[in-house]
C-alpha atoms as a PDB file:
ATOM      1  CA  MET A   1     301.344 186.308 -25.420  1.00  0.00           C
ATOM      2  CA  ASP A   2     299.590 189.304 -26.516  1.00  0.00           C
ATOM      3  CA  ALA A   3     295.799 189.996 -26.318  1.00  0.00           C
ATOM      4  CA  LEU A   4     295.874 191.201 -29.751  1.00  0.00           C
ATOM      5  CA  LEU A   5     297.222 187.583 -30.525  1.00  0.00           C
ATOM      6  CA  VAL A   6     294.925 185.902 -28.395  1.00  0.00           C
ATOM      7  CA  VAL A   7     291.856 187.655 -30.084  1.00  0.00           C
ATOM      8  CA  HIS A   8     294.032 186.110 -33.845  1.00  0.00           C
ATOM      9  CA  PHE A   9     293.718 182.838 -32.754  1.00  0.00           C
ATOM     10  CA  LEU A  10     290.201 182.746 -31.026  1.00  0.00           C
ATOM     11  CA  THR A  11     288.161 184.390 -34.003  1.00  0.00           C
ATOM     12  CA  ARG A  12     290.152 182.526 -37.156  1.00  0.00           C
ATOM     13  CA  PRO A  13     290.458 179.424 -38.206  1.00  0.00           C
ATOM     14  CA  PHE A  14     293.766 177.164 -37.030  1.00  0.00           C
ATOM     15  CA  GLY A  15     295.702 174.081 -37.359  1.00  0.00           C
ATOM     16  CA  HIS A  16     294.931 171.144 -34.752  1.00  0.00           C
ATOM     17  CA  ASN A  17     298.490 170.857 -34.964  1.00  0.00           C
ATOM     18  CA  HIS A  18     299.552 174.540 -33.963  1.00  0.00           C
ATOM     19  CA  SER A  19     301.871 173.876 -30.738  1.00  0.00           C
ATOM     20  CA  LEU A  20     298.262 176.162 -29.440  1.00  0.00           C
ATOM     21  CA  GLY A  21     296.028 173.800 -30.688  1.00  0.00           C
ATOM     22  CA  THR A  22     294.361 172.133 -27.333  1.00  0.00           C
ATOM     23  CA  SER A  23     294.772 174.820 -25.169  1.00  0.00           C
ATOM     24  CA  ILE A  24     292.582 177.523 -28.265  1.00  0.00           C
ATOM     25  CA  SER A  25     290.359 173.887 -28.905  1.00  0.00           C
ATOM     26  CA  ASP A  26     289.351 174.784 -24.889  1.00  0.00           C
ATOM     27  CA  CYS A  27     289.127 178.231 -25.243  1.00  0.00           C
ATOM     28  CA  LEU A  28     286.438 177.754 -28.229  1.00  0.00           C
ATOM     29  CA  GLU A  29     284.554 175.036 -26.043  1.00  0.00           C
ATOM     30  CA  LEU A  30     283.829 177.719 -23.747  1.00  0.00           C
ATOM     31  CA  ILE A  31     282.875 180.520 -25.764  1.00  0.00           C
ATOM     32  CA  ASN A  32     280.209 177.758 -27.660  1.00  0.00           C
ATOM     33  CA  GLU A  33     279.009 177.049 -24.079  1.00  0.00           C
ATOM     34  CA  ARG A  34     275.880 179.193 -24.997  1.00  0.00           C
ATOM     35  CA  TRP A  35     277.477 182.807 -22.964  1.00  0.00           C
ATOM     36  CA  VAL A  36     276.943 185.523 -24.866  1.00  0.00           C
ATOM     37  CA  HIS A  37     280.372 187.402 -25.717  1.00  0.00           C
ATOM     38  CA  GLU A  38     282.072 189.572 -27.713  1.00  0.00           C
ATOM     39  CA  MET A  39     285.511 189.067 -28.864  1.00  0.00           C
ATOM     40  CA  ARG A  40     287.890 192.557 -30.329  1.00  0.00           C
ATOM     41  CA  HIS A  41     291.055 193.798 -28.669  1.00  0.00           C
ATOM     42  CA  ASP A  42     291.168 197.019 -27.484  1.00  0.00           C
ATOM     43  CA  LEU A  43     294.499 199.113 -27.076  1.00  0.00           C
ATOM     44  CA  ARG A  44     295.437 199.997 -23.733  1.00  0.00           C
ATOM     45  CA  GLU A  45     296.050 203.615 -24.493  1.00  0.00           C
ATOM     46  CA  GLY A  46     291.792 203.355 -25.904  1.00  0.00           C
ATOM     47  CA  ASN A  47     290.788 201.874 -22.272  1.00  0.00           C
ATOM     48  CA  LYS A  48     292.774 203.044 -19.540  1.00  0.00           C
ATOM     49  CA  CYS A  49     290.017 202.086 -16.976  1.00  0.00           C
ATOM     50  CA  MET A  50     290.592 198.433 -18.528  1.00  0.00           C
ATOM     51  CA  ASP A  51     294.297 198.357 -17.916  1.00  0.00           C
ATOM     52  CA  ARG A  52     294.898 199.992 -14.377  1.00  0.00           C
ATOM     53  CA  LEU A  53     291.756 197.270 -13.676  1.00  0.00           C
ATOM     54  CA  ALA A  54     294.227 194.691 -14.721  1.00  0.00           C
ATOM     55  CA  ASN A  55     297.153 195.800 -13.575  1.00  0.00           C
ATOM     56  CA  LEU A  56     295.323 195.785 -10.267  1.00  0.00           C
ATOM     57  CA  ALA A  57     294.463 192.063 -10.357  1.00  0.00           C
ATOM     58  CA  GLN A  58     297.911 191.578 -10.676  1.00  0.00           C
ATOM     59  CA  ASP A  59     298.217 191.582  -6.980  1.00  0.00           C
ATOM     60  CA  LEU A  60     294.893 190.011  -6.186  1.00  0.00           C
ATOM     61  CA  ALA A  61     295.120 185.887  -5.567  1.00  0.00           C
ATOM     62  CA  LEU A  62     293.327 183.409  -7.343  1.00  0.00           C
ATOM     63  CA  GLY A  63     289.078 183.858  -7.486  1.00  0.00           C
ATOM     64  CA  VAL A  64     287.116 185.895  -8.352  1.00  0.00           C
ATOM     65  CA  VAL A  65     286.270 189.449  -7.158  1.00  0.00           C
ATOM     66  CA  LEU A  66     283.818 191.353  -7.166  1.00  0.00           C
ATOM     67  CA  PRO A  67     283.721 194.736  -5.616  1.00  0.00           C
ATOM     68  CA  HIS A  68     281.133 197.056  -3.843  1.00  0.00           C
ATOM     69  CA  THR A  69     283.132 200.165  -5.122  1.00  0.00           C
ATOM     70  CA  PRO A  70     285.678 201.013  -7.774  1.00  0.00           C
ATOM     71  CA  PRO A  71     289.079 200.957  -6.586  1.00  0.00           C
ATOM     72  CA  MET A  72     290.364 204.347  -5.330  1.00  0.00           C
ATOM     73  CA  SER A  73     293.104 204.538  -8.229  1.00  0.00           C
ATOM     74  CA  ILE A  74     290.445 204.251 -11.197  1.00  0.00           C
ATOM     75  CA  LEU A  75     288.661 206.902 -10.088  1.00  0.00           C
ATOM     76  CA  SER A  76     289.821 209.908 -11.758  1.00  0.00           C
ATOM     77  CA  LEU A  77     289.177 208.047 -15.146  1.00  0.00           C
ATOM     78  CA  LEU A  78     285.338 207.421 -14.398  1.00  0.00           C
ATOM     79  CA  GLN A  79     284.562 210.709 -14.097  1.00  0.00           C
END
């Protein structure tokens, strides 16, 4: 599913009979737990570091990964 579509679902009212209604409600519940958050969509071309990190994440096992240094493949983008 396109990220812009996800932002649309989470920032606009939806019908509870929507096919993704349960998933949208679950996401909104998490969002409303007083977390600091911002919903927006950035084009991949506008954020090459995040695009590269998202692609790298496809090869990782499930779970949280907190690297101590940036991956080598994004160093040139950070400079």
